[in-house]
């Protein structure tokens, strides 16, 4: 039996085909601080003119087929989508090396922001993008990245974090966030400390940022990623219900901020 995530992607594809969507996907090479990066673009070629755009930030193993699948799903909603490549072209580490690579950027938020803003610039310059309607989303490491991009002062109307780390070494930077924030979190995630969640909420409240924190009961870390398996005792596991509900939450959120 196919998983709910795969079925969801298949159904989205069928609906898109029925509506005349023509999803184009391609690798896009760019540079950031002299480093060659390779992002991924997806958009509906049947739509003419500029449209809202979404930057997706990858999880800790880099830009993989998972992000490409999500990019296509978001493009089927009518948005111009670009997946950032934080690590650089062909750097796609597996655990435990993935943790070490992600750590380079989590411990150096300035470098992380530089890589993310370079990717955002690619999206902003794309002829399909309505630069007044741009949002960012991300998964795990990417959830942290999407919020960090907003903290850098990027002109985003919205940010969605899927099971991302919510900590910040410079919480005062919350004042730089220009759009709304939606944090989708596994209520039983052992990798995100309660103190970090509390500090995140305090940061946004102090900066008068409009935000919502949604906690999914029974969900742990990486609940949208089927490749993590279904054993909650490992701390990271797929949860079909949380995956489905968080996807709907993101769609509604984007529709709202892009009005």
Protein backbone atom coordinates (compact mmCIF):
# COMPACT_ATOMS: atom_id res chain seq x y z
CA UNK A 1 0.00 0.00 0.00
CA UNK A 2 1.29 3.47 -0.88
CA UNK A 3 1.95 5.90 1.96
CA UNK A 4 -0.40 8.88 2.46
CA UNK A 5 2.46 11.21 1.45
CA UNK A 6 2.99 9.42 -1.87
CA UNK A 7 -0.74 9.24 -2.49
CA UNK A 8 -1.01 12.95 -1.75
CA UNK A 9 1.70 13.73 -4.30
CA UNK A 10 0.04 11.48 -6.89
CA UNK A 11 -3.37 13.07 -6.32
CA UNK A 12 -1.87 16.57 -6.56
CA UNK A 13 -0.23 15.58 -9.84
CA UNK A 14 -3.48 14.22 -11.27
CA UNK A 15 -5.40 17.31 -10.28
CA UNK A 16 -2.71 19.53 -11.75
CA UNK A 17 -2.79 17.60 -15.02
CA UNK A 18 -6.57 17.81 -15.13
CA UNK A 19 -6.41 21.59 -14.70
CA UNK A 20 -3.90 22.00 -17.52
CA UNK A 21 -0.83 22.59 -15.35
CA UNK A 22 2.53 22.21 -17.06
CA UNK A 23 5.13 21.85 -14.32
CA UNK A 24 8.67 22.63 -15.42
CA UNK A 25 11.58 21.56 -13.24
CA UNK A 26 15.26 22.38 -13.62
CA UNK A 27 18.56 22.69 -11.80
CA UNK A 28 19.81 26.27 -11.43
CA UNK A 29 23.46 27.01 -10.76
CA UNK A 30 24.43 30.16 -8.87
CA UNK A 31 27.16 31.37 -6.54
CA UNK A 32 27.24 32.53 -2.95
CA UNK A 33 30.38 34.08 -1.54
CA UNK A 34 32.42 32.48 -4.33
CA UNK A 35 30.93 29.01 -3.69
CA UNK A 36 29.11 27.31 -6.55
CA UNK A 37 25.63 26.17 -5.52
CA UNK A 38 22.98 24.23 -7.42
CA UNK A 39 19.37 24.94 -6.55
CA UNK A 40 16.20 23.54 -8.06
CA UNK A 41 13.32 25.42 -9.67
CA UNK A 42 9.74 24.30 -10.28
CA UNK A 43 6.91 26.32 -11.79
CA UNK A 44 3.73 25.94 -13.81
CA UNK A 45 4.50 27.02 -17.37
CA UNK A 46 0.78 27.20 -18.20
CA UNK A 47 0.54 30.30 -15.99
CA UNK A 48 1.56 33.54 -17.64
CA UNK A 49 3.12 36.52 -15.92
CA UNK A 50 4.47 37.00 -12.43
CA UNK A 51 3.13 35.04 -9.48
CA UNK A 52 3.77 34.55 -5.73
CA UNK A 53 7.01 32.71 -5.03
CA UNK A 54 8.27 30.29 -2.40
CA UNK A 55 11.85 29.56 -1.37
CA UNK A 56 12.30 26.06 0.09
CA UNK A 57 15.26 25.29 2.37
CA UNK A 58 16.45 21.68 2.51
CA UNK A 59 16.92 19.37 5.48
CA UNK A 60 20.31 18.30 6.86
CA UNK A 61 21.34 15.99 3.99
CA UNK A 62 21.16 18.82 1.47
CA UNK A 63 19.01 19.27 -1.61
CA UNK A 64 17.58 15.85 -2.41
CA UNK A 65 14.66 14.24 -4.23
CA UNK A 66 12.55 14.99 -1.16
CA UNK A 67 12.86 18.76 -1.65
CA UNK A 68 12.30 18.35 -5.40
CA UNK A 69 9.06 16.49 -4.65
CA UNK A 70 7.92 19.25 -2.31
CA UNK A 71 8.91 21.90 -4.83
CA UNK A 72 6.70 20.28 -7.46
CA UNK A 73 3.79 20.04 -5.02
CA UNK A 74 4.11 23.74 -4.17
CA UNK A 75 4.47 24.68 -7.85
CA UNK A 76 1.20 22.84 -8.51
CA UNK A 77 -0.43 25.39 -6.19
CA UNK A 78 0.47 28.06 -8.74
CA UNK A 79 3.64 29.43 -7.15
CA UNK A 80 7.13 29.93 -8.54
CA UNK A 81 9.39 27.72 -6.42
CA UNK A 82 13.12 27.66 -5.84
CA UNK A 83 14.96 25.25 -3.55
CA UNK A 84 18.06 26.77 -1.97
CA UNK A 85 21.36 24.91 -1.87
CA UNK A 86 23.00 25.94 1.39
CA UNK A 87 25.89 23.46 1.26
CA UNK A 88 27.14 23.93 -2.31
CA UNK A 89 26.98 21.88 -5.49
CA UNK A 90 27.33 18.12 -5.01
CA UNK A 91 27.64 18.40 -1.23
CA UNK A 92 24.89 16.01 -0.13
CA UNK A 93 26.12 14.34 3.08
CA UNK A 94 24.54 11.36 4.80
CA UNK A 95 24.48 10.81 8.59
CA UNK A 96 26.63 11.25 10.58
CA UNK A 97 28.42 13.61 8.18
CA UNK A 98 25.12 15.43 7.61
CA UNK A 99 25.08 16.53 11.24
CA UNK A 100 28.59 17.89 10.95
CA UNK A 101 27.76 19.80 7.74
CA UNK A 102 24.55 21.26 9.18
CA UNK A 103 26.47 22.21 12.31
CA UNK A 104 28.80 24.43 10.30
CA UNK A 105 25.87 26.68 9.47
CA UNK A 106 23.89 26.42 12.69
CA UNK A 107 27.00 27.56 14.56
CA UNK A 108 27.65 30.33 12.02
CA UNK A 109 24.33 32.06 11.43
CA UNK A 110 26.00 34.83 9.41
CA UNK A 111 27.20 32.27 6.86
CA UNK A 112 23.80 30.56 6.84
CA UNK A 113 22.09 33.89 6.19
CA UNK A 114 24.54 34.67 3.38
CA UNK A 115 23.80 31.37 1.61
CA UNK A 116 20.05 31.78 2.06
CA UNK A 117 19.97 35.38 0.85
CA UNK A 118 21.94 34.38 -2.24
CA UNK A 119 19.29 31.79 -3.05
CA UNK A 120 16.52 34.28 -2.34
CA UNK A 121 18.13 36.72 -4.77
CA UNK A 122 17.95 34.07 -7.50
CA UNK A 123 14.23 33.66 -6.84
CA UNK A 124 13.60 37.41 -6.70
CA UNK A 125 15.32 37.97 -10.05
CA UNK A 126 13.38 35.22 -11.79
CA UNK A 127 10.91 36.68 -14.31
CA UNK A 128 8.09 34.51 -12.92
CA UNK A 129 8.37 36.03 -9.43
CA UNK A 130 6.14 38.72 -7.99
CA UNK A 131 8.75 40.21 -5.64
CA UNK A 132 6.04 41.66 -3.37
CA UNK A 133 4.71 38.16 -2.60
CA UNK A 134 7.57 35.91 -1.51
CA UNK A 135 7.62 33.40 1.33
CA UNK A 136 10.08 30.81 2.63
CA UNK A 137 9.58 27.30 3.99
CA UNK A 138 11.94 24.63 5.22
CA UNK A 139 12.24 21.19 6.78
CA UNK A 140 14.28 20.38 9.92
CA UNK A 141 17.59 22.20 9.28
CA UNK A 142 15.65 24.04 6.59
CA UNK A 143 13.00 25.12 9.06
CA UNK A 144 15.73 26.76 11.08
CA UNK A 145 17.06 28.29 7.87
CA UNK A 146 13.72 29.73 6.77
CA UNK A 147 13.30 31.50 10.10
CA UNK A 148 16.92 32.63 10.09
CA UNK A 149 16.38 34.15 6.65
CA UNK A 150 13.48 36.15 8.06
CA UNK A 151 15.63 37.20 11.02
CA UNK A 152 18.18 38.57 8.56
CA UNK A 153 15.61 41.15 7.45
CA UNK A 154 14.71 39.53 4.13
CA UNK A 155 11.53 40.91 2.57
CA UNK A 156 9.32 37.88 3.10
CA UNK A 157 5.58 38.10 3.64
CA UNK A 158 5.58 34.75 5.39
CA UNK A 159 7.74 31.94 6.76
CA UNK A 160 6.79 28.32 7.44
CA UNK A 161 9.00 26.01 9.49
CA UNK A 162 8.33 22.26 9.39
CA UNK A 163 9.84 20.57 12.48
CA UNK A 164 12.71 23.06 12.50
CA UNK A 165 15.03 24.12 15.27
CA UNK A 166 13.64 27.32 16.77
CA UNK A 167 16.64 28.51 18.78
CA UNK A 168 18.47 31.76 18.07
CA UNK A 169 21.86 32.96 19.36
CA UNK A 170 20.67 36.54 18.70
CA UNK A 171 16.99 36.72 19.71
CA UNK A 172 16.98 40.50 19.30
CA UNK A 173 17.05 39.83 15.56
CA UNK A 174 13.40 38.91 15.80
CA UNK A 175 12.74 42.62 15.25
CA UNK A 176 14.00 42.19 11.66
CA UNK A 177 11.22 39.77 10.72
CA UNK A 178 8.90 41.52 8.28
CA UNK A 179 6.23 38.88 7.63
CA UNK A 180 4.10 36.35 9.47
CA UNK A 181 5.54 33.13 10.90
CA UNK A 182 4.04 29.65 11.07
CA UNK A 183 5.95 27.01 13.05
CA UNK A 184 4.69 23.43 12.60
CA UNK A 185 6.13 21.31 15.39
CA UNK A 186 5.99 17.73 16.62
CA UNK A 187 4.61 17.88 20.16
CA UNK A 188 6.89 14.98 21.16
CA UNK A 189 10.02 16.16 19.32
CA UNK A 190 12.96 15.34 21.64
CA UNK A 191 15.46 17.37 19.61
CA UNK A 192 13.86 20.77 20.13
CA UNK A 193 14.13 21.87 23.75
CA UNK A 194 11.13 23.31 25.57
CA UNK A 195 13.33 26.24 26.57
CA UNK A 196 14.07 26.97 22.91
CA UNK A 197 10.37 26.93 22.07
CA UNK A 198 9.62 29.32 24.93
CA UNK A 199 12.47 31.62 23.86
CA UNK A 200 11.22 31.54 20.26
CA UNK A 201 7.75 32.65 21.31
CA UNK A 202 9.18 35.34 23.57
CA UNK A 203 11.40 36.58 20.72
CA UNK A 204 8.45 36.97 18.35
CA UNK A 205 6.16 38.49 20.96
CA UNK A 206 8.82 41.05 21.92
CA UNK A 207 9.20 41.97 18.24
CA UNK A 208 5.42 42.14 17.68
CA UNK A 209 5.65 39.49 14.95
CA UNK A 210 2.39 37.79 13.96
CA UNK A 211 3.00 34.08 14.47
CA UNK A 212 1.36 30.74 15.14
CA UNK A 213 2.94 27.67 16.72
CA UNK A 214 1.13 24.42 15.94
CA UNK A 215 2.02 21.28 17.88
CA UNK A 216 0.99 17.87 16.52
CA UNK A 217 0.35 15.28 19.29
CA UNK A 218 2.25 12.04 18.85
CA UNK A 219 4.62 13.53 16.27
CA UNK A 220 8.37 13.66 16.78
CA UNK A 221 11.13 15.22 14.70
CA UNK A 222 11.02 15.00 10.86
CA UNK A 223 7.34 14.02 10.87
CA UNK A 224 6.89 14.97 7.18
CA UNK A 225 9.72 12.73 5.95
CA UNK A 226 8.82 9.12 5.20
CA UNK A 227 12.47 8.13 4.82
CA UNK A 228 12.90 8.48 8.60
CA UNK A 229 10.75 5.37 9.22
CA UNK A 230 7.96 5.11 11.80
CA UNK A 231 9.76 4.36 15.06
CA UNK A 232 9.12 7.30 17.37
CA UNK A 233 11.65 5.96 19.87
CA UNK A 234 14.42 7.10 17.52
CA UNK A 235 13.30 10.69 17.96
CA UNK A 236 12.70 11.23 14.23
CA UNK A 237 9.85 9.43 12.46
CA UNK A 238 7.22 9.91 9.80
CA UNK A 239 3.68 10.71 10.96
CA UNK A 240 1.08 10.58 8.19
CA UNK A 241 -1.55 12.56 10.08
CA UNK A 242 0.84 15.36 11.06
CA UNK A 243 2.24 15.41 7.53
CA UNK A 244 -1.21 15.81 5.99
CA UNK A 245 -2.38 18.41 8.51
CA UNK A 246 0.80 20.48 8.30
CA UNK A 247 0.59 20.52 4.49
CA UNK A 248 -2.95 21.90 4.67
CA UNK A 249 -1.83 24.44 7.29
CA UNK A 250 0.95 25.63 4.99
CA UNK A 251 -1.38 25.93 1.99
CA UNK A 252 -3.86 28.01 3.98
CA UNK A 253 -1.10 30.16 5.41
CA UNK A 254 0.42 30.90 2.00
CA UNK A 255 -2.96 31.69 0.51
CA UNK A 256 -3.48 34.18 3.34
CA UNK A 257 -0.13 35.99 3.14
CA UNK A 258 -0.25 36.12 -0.66
CA UNK A 259 -3.64 37.87 -0.79
